[in-house]
Each structure stands twice: as structure tokens, then as C-alpha cells.
PDB file of N, CA and C in Angstrom:
ATOM      1  N   MET A   1       6.100 -17.281  18.772  1.00  0.00           N
ATOM      2  CA  MET A   1       5.462 -16.209  19.499  1.00  0.00           C
ATOM      3  C   MET A   1       4.206 -15.746  18.707  1.00  0.00           C
ATOM      4  N   ALA A   2       3.128 -15.556  19.397  1.00  0.00           N
ATOM      5  CA  ALA A   2       1.863 -15.139  18.747  1.00  0.00           C
ATOM      6  C   ALA A   2       2.026 -13.730  18.220  1.00  0.00           C
ATOM      7  N   PRO A   3       1.333 -13.422  17.111  1.00  0.00           N
ATOM      8  CA  PRO A   3       1.458 -12.096  16.487  1.00  0.00           C
ATOM      9  C   PRO A   3       1.156 -10.947  17.456  1.00  0.00           C
ATOM     10  N   LEU A   4       0.129 -11.094  18.290  1.00  0.00           N
ATOM     11  CA  LEU A   4      -0.187  -9.998  19.218  1.00  0.00           C
ATOM     12  C   LEU A   4       0.902  -9.815  20.244  1.00  0.00           C
ATOM     13  N   GLN A   5       1.460 -10.908  20.722  1.00  0.00           N
ATOM     14  CA  GLN A   5       2.567 -10.778  21.668  1.00  0.00           C
ATOM     15  C   GLN A   5       3.760 -10.113  21.005  1.00  0.00           C
ATOM     16  N   ASN A   6       4.025 -10.505  19.776  1.00  0.00           N
ATOM     17  CA  ASN A   6       5.100  -9.913  19.039  1.00  0.00           C
ATOM     18  C   ASN A   6       4.897  -8.413  18.865  1.00  0.00           C
ATOM     19  N   PHE A   7       3.681  -8.017  18.537  1.00  0.00           N
ATOM     20  CA  PHE A   7       3.340  -6.601  18.366  1.00  0.00           C
ATOM     21  C   PHE A   7       3.512  -5.855  19.667  1.00  0.00           C
ATOM     22  N   ALA A   8       3.054  -6.458  20.741  1.00  0.00           N
ATOM     23  CA  ALA A   8       3.212  -5.828  22.070  1.00  0.00           C
ATOM     24  C   ALA A   8       4.673  -5.683  22.441  1.00  0.00           C
ATOM     25  N   ASP A   9       5.468  -6.705  22.085  1.00  0.00           N
ATOM     26  CA  ASP A   9       6.912  -6.627  22.350  1.00  0.00           C
ATOM     27  C   ASP A   9       7.576  -5.477  21.587  1.00  0.00           C
ATOM     28  N   ILE A  10       7.134  -5.313  20.336  1.00  0.00           N
ATOM     29  CA  ILE A  10       7.669  -4.212  19.537  1.00  0.00           C
ATOM     30  C   ILE A  10       7.316  -2.855  20.157  1.00  0.00           C
ATOM     31  N   LEU A  11       6.059  -2.728  20.585  1.00  0.00           N
ATOM     32  CA  LEU A  11       5.637  -1.469  21.215  1.00  0.00           C
ATOM     33  C   LEU A  11       6.446  -1.213  22.490  1.00  0.00           C
ATOM     34  N   ASP A  12       6.646  -2.253  23.265  1.00  0.00           N
ATOM     35  CA  ASP A  12       7.469  -2.116  24.493  1.00  0.00           C
ATOM     36  C   ASP A  12       8.906  -1.718  24.159  1.00  0.00           C
ATOM     37  N   ALA A  13       9.451  -2.309  23.130  1.00  0.00           N
ATOM     38  CA  ALA A  13      10.831  -1.983  22.729  1.00  0.00           C
ATOM     39  C   ALA A  13      10.918  -0.539  22.289  1.00  0.00           C
ATOM     40  N   VAL A  14       9.910  -0.063  21.517  1.00  0.00           N
ATOM     41  CA  VAL A  14       9.909   1.311  21.073  1.00  0.00           C
ATOM     42  C   VAL A  14       9.772   2.259  22.263  1.00  0.00           C
ATOM     43  N   ASP A  15       9.005   1.872  23.261  1.00  0.00           N
ATOM     44  CA  ASP A  15       8.870   2.710  24.469  1.00  0.00           C
ATOM     45  C   ASP A  15      10.199   2.927  25.145  1.00  0.00           C
ATOM     46  N   ASN A  16      11.100   1.958  25.010  1.00  0.00           N
ATOM     47  CA  ASN A  16      12.402   2.041  25.668  1.00  0.00           C
ATOM     48  C   ASN A  16      13.447   2.829  24.871  1.00  0.00           C
ATOM     49  N   LEU A  17      13.094   3.268  23.665  1.00  0.00           N
ATOM     50  CA  LEU A  17      14.023   4.063  22.857  1.00  0.00           C
ATOM     51  C   LEU A  17      14.029   5.511  23.321  1.00  0.00           C
ATOM     52  N   SER A  18      15.129   6.174  23.013  1.00  0.00           N
ATOM     53  CA  SER A  18      15.192   7.617  23.297  1.00  0.00           C
ATOM     54  C   SER A  18      14.280   8.353  22.329  1.00  0.00           C
ATOM     55  N   ARG A  19      14.005   9.591  22.611  1.00  0.00           N
ATOM     56  CA  ARG A  19      13.141  10.390  21.730  1.00  0.00           C
ATOM     57  C   ARG A  19      13.732  10.446  20.304  1.00  0.00           C
ATOM     58  N   GLU A  20      15.033  10.644  20.205  1.00  0.00           N
ATOM     59  CA  GLU A  20      15.706  10.710  18.927  1.00  0.00           C
ATOM     60  C   GLU A  20      15.582   9.382  18.182  1.00  0.00           C
ATOM     61  N   GLU A  21      15.764   8.289  18.882  1.00  0.00           N
ATOM     62  CA  GLU A  21      15.636   6.956  18.276  1.00  0.00           C
ATOM     63  C   GLU A  21      14.203   6.691  17.823  1.00  0.00           C
ATOM     64  N   LYS A  22      13.225   7.172  18.618  1.00  0.00           N
ATOM     65  CA  LYS A  22      11.822   7.001  18.201  1.00  0.00           C
ATOM     66  C   LYS A  22      11.543   7.784  16.943  1.00  0.00           C
ATOM     67  N   GLU A  23      12.075   8.987  16.808  1.00  0.00           N
ATOM     68  CA  GLU A  23      11.879   9.775  15.613  1.00  0.00           C
ATOM     69  C   GLU A  23      12.489   9.086  14.400  1.00  0.00           C
ATOM     70  N   THR A  24      13.692   8.529  14.572  1.00  0.00           N
ATOM     71  CA  THR A  24      14.348   7.805  13.497  1.00  0.00           C
ATOM     72  C   THR A  24      13.549   6.562  13.129  1.00  0.00           C
ATOM     73  N   PHE A  25      13.078   5.845  14.120  1.00  0.00           N
ATOM     74  CA  PHE A  25      12.257   4.652  13.929  1.00  0.00           C
ATOM     75  C   PHE A  25      11.023   5.004  13.087  1.00  0.00           C
ATOM     76  N   LEU A  26      10.332   6.082  13.452  1.00  0.00           N
ATOM     77  CA  LEU A  26       9.148   6.508  12.711  1.00  0.00           C
ATOM     78  C   LEU A  26       9.473   6.877  11.269  1.00  0.00           C
ATOM     79  N   GLU A  27      10.588   7.564  11.052  1.00  0.00           N
ATOM     80  CA  GLU A  27      10.990   7.938   9.703  1.00  0.00           C
ATOM     81  C   GLU A  27      11.274   6.722   8.851  1.00  0.00           C
ATOM     82  N   VAL A  28      12.012   5.754   9.408  1.00  0.00           N
ATOM     83  CA  VAL A  28      12.310   4.517   8.676  1.00  0.00           C
ATOM     84  C   VAL A  28      11.041   3.753   8.384  1.00  0.00           C
ATOM     85  N   LEU A  29      10.172   3.625   9.361  1.00  0.00           N
ATOM     86  CA  LEU A  29       8.924   2.909   9.190  1.00  0.00           C
ATOM     87  C   LEU A  29       8.055   3.568   8.113  1.00  0.00           C
ATOM     88  N   HIS A  30       8.011   4.874   8.138  1.00  0.00           N
ATOM     89  CA  HIS A  30       7.210   5.627   7.153  1.00  0.00           C
ATOM     90  C   HIS A  30       7.780   5.409   5.761  1.00  0.00           C
ATOM     91  N   ARG A  31       9.118   5.477   5.589  1.00  0.00           N
ATOM     92  CA  ARG A  31       9.714   5.261   4.272  1.00  0.00           C
ATOM     93  C   ARG A  31       9.437   3.847   3.775  1.00  0.00           C
ATOM     94  N   ARG A  32       9.531   2.879   4.668  1.00  0.00           N
ATOM     95  CA  ARG A  32       9.242   1.488   4.266  1.00  0.00           C
ATOM     96  C   ARG A  32       7.790   1.334   3.876  1.00  0.00           C
ATOM     97  N   PHE A  33       6.877   1.980   4.584  1.00  0.00           N
ATOM     98  CA  PHE A  33       5.460   1.920   4.247  1.00  0.00           C
ATOM     99  C   PHE A  33       5.222   2.517   2.864  1.00  0.00           C
ATOM    100  N   ILE A  34       5.844   3.651   2.595  1.00  0.00           N
ATOM    101  CA  ILE A  34       5.699   4.294   1.295  1.00  0.00           C
ATOM    102  C   ILE A  34       6.234   3.401   0.175  1.00  0.00           C
ATOM    103  N   GLU A  35       7.409   2.799   0.398  1.00  0.00           N
ATOM    104  CA  GLU A  35       7.982   1.934  -0.632  1.00  0.00           C
ATOM    105  C   GLU A  35       7.121   0.705  -0.865  1.00  0.00           C
ATOM    106  N   GLN A  36       6.570   0.122   0.188  1.00  0.00           N
ATOM    107  CA  GLN A  36       5.703  -1.031   0.051  1.00  0.00           C
ATOM    108  C   GLN A  36       4.452  -0.653  -0.743  1.00  0.00           C
ATOM    109  N   ARG A  37       3.862   0.471  -0.450  1.00  0.00           N
ATOM    110  CA  ARG A  37       2.678   0.915  -1.173  1.00  0.00           C
ATOM    111  C   ARG A  37       3.001   1.203  -2.624  1.00  0.00           C
ATOM    112  N   ARG A  38       4.183   1.781  -2.868  1.00  0.00           N
ATOM    113  CA  ARG A  38       4.618   2.077  -4.230  1.00  0.00           C
ATOM    114  C   ARG A  38       4.735   0.771  -5.032  1.00  0.00           C
ATOM    115  N   GLU A  39       5.260  -0.276  -4.425  1.00  0.00           N
ATOM    116  CA  GLU A  39       5.370  -1.574  -5.070  1.00  0.00           C
ATOM    117  C   GLU A  39       4.008  -2.171  -5.344  1.00  0.00           C
ATOM    118  N   GLU A  40       3.073  -2.033  -4.401  1.00  0.00           N
ATOM    119  CA  GLU A  40       1.699  -2.521  -4.612  1.00  0.00           C
ATOM    120  C   GLU A  40       1.048  -1.814  -5.775  1.00  0.00           C
ATOM    121  N   ILE A  41       1.198  -0.515  -5.849  1.00  0.00           N
ATOM    122  CA  ILE A  41       0.607   0.258  -6.944  1.00  0.00           C
ATOM    123  C   ILE A  41       1.222  -0.146  -8.271  1.00  0.00           C
ATOM    124  N   GLY A  42       2.551  -0.358  -8.287  1.00  0.00           N
ATOM    125  CA  GLY A  42       3.217  -0.793  -9.497  1.00  0.00           C
ATOM    126  C   GLY A  42       2.694  -2.131  -9.981  1.00  0.00           C
ATOM    127  N   ALA A  43       2.478  -3.053  -9.050  1.00  0.00           N
ATOM    128  CA  ALA A  43       1.926  -4.376  -9.407  1.00  0.00           C
ATOM    129  C   ALA A  43       0.498  -4.245  -9.963  1.00  0.00           C
ATOM    130  N   GLU A  44      -0.298  -3.351  -9.364  1.00  0.00           N
ATOM    131  CA  GLU A  44      -1.641  -3.138  -9.865  1.00  0.00           C
ATOM    132  C   GLU A  44      -1.634  -2.530 -11.266  1.00  0.00           C
ATOM    133  N   ILE A  45      -0.700  -1.635 -11.522  1.00  0.00           N
ATOM    134  CA  ILE A  45      -0.567  -1.024 -12.848  1.00  0.00           C
ATOM    135  C   ILE A  45      -0.166  -2.086 -13.879  1.00  0.00           C
ATOM    136  N   GLN A  46       0.776  -2.951 -13.515  1.00  0.00           N
ATOM    137  CA  GLN A  46       1.186  -4.017 -14.418  1.00  0.00           C
ATOM    138  C   GLN A  46       0.027  -4.925 -14.742  1.00  0.00           C
ATOM    139  N   ALA A  47      -0.731  -5.333 -13.738  1.00  0.00           N
ATOM    140  CA  ALA A  47      -1.887  -6.219 -13.950  1.00  0.00           C
ATOM    141  C   ALA A  47      -2.931  -5.552 -14.842  1.00  0.00           C
ATOM    142  N   THR A  48      -3.167  -4.273 -14.600  1.00  0.00           N
ATOM    143  CA  THR A  48      -4.145  -3.524 -15.406  1.00  0.00           C
ATOM    144  C   THR A  48      -3.673  -3.417 -16.856  1.00  0.00           C
ATOM    145  N   ARG A  49      -2.405  -3.119 -17.046  1.00  0.00           N
ATOM    146  CA  ARG A  49      -1.900  -3.049 -18.430  1.00  0.00           C
ATOM    147  C   ARG A  49      -2.035  -4.379 -19.131  1.00  0.00           C
ATOM    148  N   GLN A  50      -1.724  -5.472 -18.407  1.00  0.00           N
ATOM    149  CA  GLN A  50      -1.837  -6.799 -19.001  1.00  0.00           C
ATOM    150  C   GLN A  50      -3.298  -7.104 -19.401  1.00  0.00           C
ATOM    151  N   GLU A  51      -4.223  -6.720 -18.520  1.00  0.00           N
ATOM    152  CA  GLU A  51      -5.654  -6.921 -18.833  1.00  0.00           C
ATOM    153  C   GLU A  51      -6.023  -6.144 -20.081  1.00  0.00           C
ATOM    154  N   PHE A  52      -5.543  -4.920 -20.188  1.00  0.00           N
ATOM    155  CA  PHE A  52      -5.835  -4.085 -21.355  1.00  0.00           C
ATOM    156  C   PHE A  52      -5.247  -4.675 -22.626  1.00  0.00           C
ATOM    157  N   LEU A  53      -3.968  -5.096 -22.547  1.00  0.00           N
ATOM    158  CA  LEU A  53      -3.304  -5.665 -23.707  1.00  0.00           C
ATOM    159  C   LEU A  53      -3.920  -6.996 -24.162  1.00  0.00           C
ATOM    160  N   SER A  54      -4.463  -7.763 -23.211  1.00  0.00           N
ATOM    161  CA  SER A  54      -5.054  -9.044 -23.561  1.00  0.00           C
ATOM    162  C   SER A  54      -6.515  -8.887 -23.993  1.00  0.00           C
ATOM    163  N   GLY A  55      -7.041  -7.688 -23.951  1.00  0.00           N
ATOM    164  CA  GLY A  55      -8.404  -7.427 -24.392  1.00  0.00           C
ATOM    165  C   GLY A  55      -9.463  -7.680 -23.326  1.00  0.00           C
ATOM    166  N   GLU A  56      -9.041  -7.876 -22.083  1.00  0.00           N
ATOM    167  CA  GLU A  56     -10.001  -8.119 -20.999  1.00  0.00           C
ATOM    168  C   GLU A  56     -10.755  -6.845 -20.614  1.00  0.00           C
ATOM    169  N   CYS A  57     -10.188  -5.702 -20.959  1.00  0.00           N
ATOM    170  CA  CYS A  57     -10.874  -4.426 -20.736  1.00  0.00           C
ATOM    171  C   CYS A  57     -10.554  -3.499 -21.890  1.00  0.00           C
ATOM    172  N   GLN A  58     -11.305  -2.434 -21.965  1.00  0.00           N
ATOM    173  CA  GLN A  58     -11.087  -1.490 -23.061  1.00  0.00           C
ATOM    174  C   GLN A  58     -11.230  -0.078 -22.535  1.00  0.00           C
ATOM    175  N   ALA A  59     -10.656   0.833 -23.291  1.00  0.00           N
ATOM    176  CA  ALA A  59     -10.728   2.261 -22.929  1.00  0.00           C
ATOM    177  C   ALA A  59     -12.133   2.770 -23.233  1.00  0.00           C
ATOM    178  N   VAL A  60     -12.669   3.602 -22.338  1.00  0.00           N
ATOM    179  CA  VAL A  60     -13.954   4.233 -22.552  1.00  0.00           C
ATOM    180  C   VAL A  60     -13.860   5.686 -22.126  1.00  0.00           C
ATOM    181  N   ASN A  61     -14.773   6.499 -22.650  1.00  0.00           N
ATOM    182  CA  ASN A  61     -14.764   7.885 -22.213  1.00  0.00           C
ATOM    183  C   ASN A  61     -15.640   8.024 -20.955  1.00  0.00           C
ATOM    184  N   ALA A  62     -15.565   9.164 -20.341  1.00  0.00           N
ATOM    185  CA  ALA A  62     -16.267   9.376 -19.064  1.00  0.00           C
ATOM    186  C   ALA A  62     -17.797   9.246 -19.208  1.00  0.00           C
ATOM    187  N   ASP A  63     -18.347   9.751 -20.288  1.00  0.00           N
ATOM    188  CA  ASP A  63     -19.795   9.657 -20.482  1.00  0.00           C
ATOM    189  C   ASP A  63     -20.272   8.220 -20.576  1.00  0.00           C
ATOM    190  N   ASP A  64     -19.547   7.408 -21.361  1.00  0.00           N
ATOM    191  CA  ASP A  64     -19.921   6.007 -21.467  1.00  0.00           C
ATOM    192  C   ASP A  64     -19.783   5.256 -20.131  1.00  0.00           C
ATOM    193  N   LEU A  65     -18.748   5.600 -19.396  1.00  0.00           N
ATOM    194  CA  LEU A  65     -18.522   4.978 -18.099  1.00  0.00           C
ATOM    195  C   LEU A  65     -19.671   5.317 -17.144  1.00  0.00           C
ATOM    196  N   MET A  66     -20.088   6.567 -17.123  1.00  0.00           N
ATOM    197  CA  MET A  66     -21.173   6.996 -16.261  1.00  0.00           C
ATOM    198  C   MET A  66     -22.488   6.308 -16.658  1.00  0.00           C
ATOM    199  N   LYS A  67     -22.721   6.195 -17.953  1.00  0.00           N
ATOM    200  CA  LYS A  67     -23.929   5.499 -18.424  1.00  0.00           C
ATOM    201  C   LYS A  67     -23.940   4.059 -17.925  1.00  0.00           C
ATOM    202  N   GLU A  68     -22.777   3.409 -18.014  1.00  0.00           N
ATOM    203  CA  GLU A  68     -22.699   2.019 -17.559  1.00  0.00           C
ATOM    204  C   GLU A  68     -22.901   1.892 -16.039  1.00  0.00           C
ATOM    205  N   ILE A  69     -22.373   2.821 -15.296  1.00  0.00           N
ATOM    206  CA  ILE A  69     -22.519   2.789 -13.859  1.00  0.00           C
ATOM    207  C   ILE A  69     -23.980   3.011 -13.440  1.00  0.00           C
ATOM    208  N   VAL A  70     -24.648   3.950 -14.096  1.00  0.00           N
ATOM    209  CA  VAL A  70     -26.021   4.307 -13.744  1.00  0.00           C
ATOM    210  C   VAL A  70     -27.010   3.192 -14.156  1.00  0.00           C
ATOM    211  N   SER A  71     -26.751   2.517 -15.251  1.00  0.00           N
ATOM    212  CA  SER A  71     -27.722   1.529 -15.742  1.00  0.00           C
ATOM    213  C   SER A  71     -27.574   0.191 -15.038  1.00  0.00           C
TER     214      SER A  71
END
């Protein structure tokens, strides 16, 4: 099934839910979205820490960072 058809099918299925079921569906979807984003942020933090530990980047103060951005 094509992704757009699948998406349309999901929307149609949600339309057939009761109001209470729709609210529960939204709550579950929202929690899953938050958890997925939390995992993405965690992976970004791990990658950044690894870059720092391997010397690929270094800590700088705000003034030095602004000078680098402007120049």
C-alpha cells in the first residue's frame, strides 16, 4: 500500500473512532512523539560528547563564539 493511501486509511479509521477514543489516540500519539524526540536528542547529545572527547570540537566562551560567527 502506498504511504499516502496508508495515511488516508489511518485518518479514515480515526474518523470512525468515538470522541473518547480519539482523545486517547491523541494522547498516545503525543506521548510516542515526545519519547521519539527524547531519543533523538539523547543520540545527538551522545554524538556531541563523543566529538568533544575525541577532540573534534572544543569548549569556547560566548565572546569567542560570537567573534567566530561574525568574522
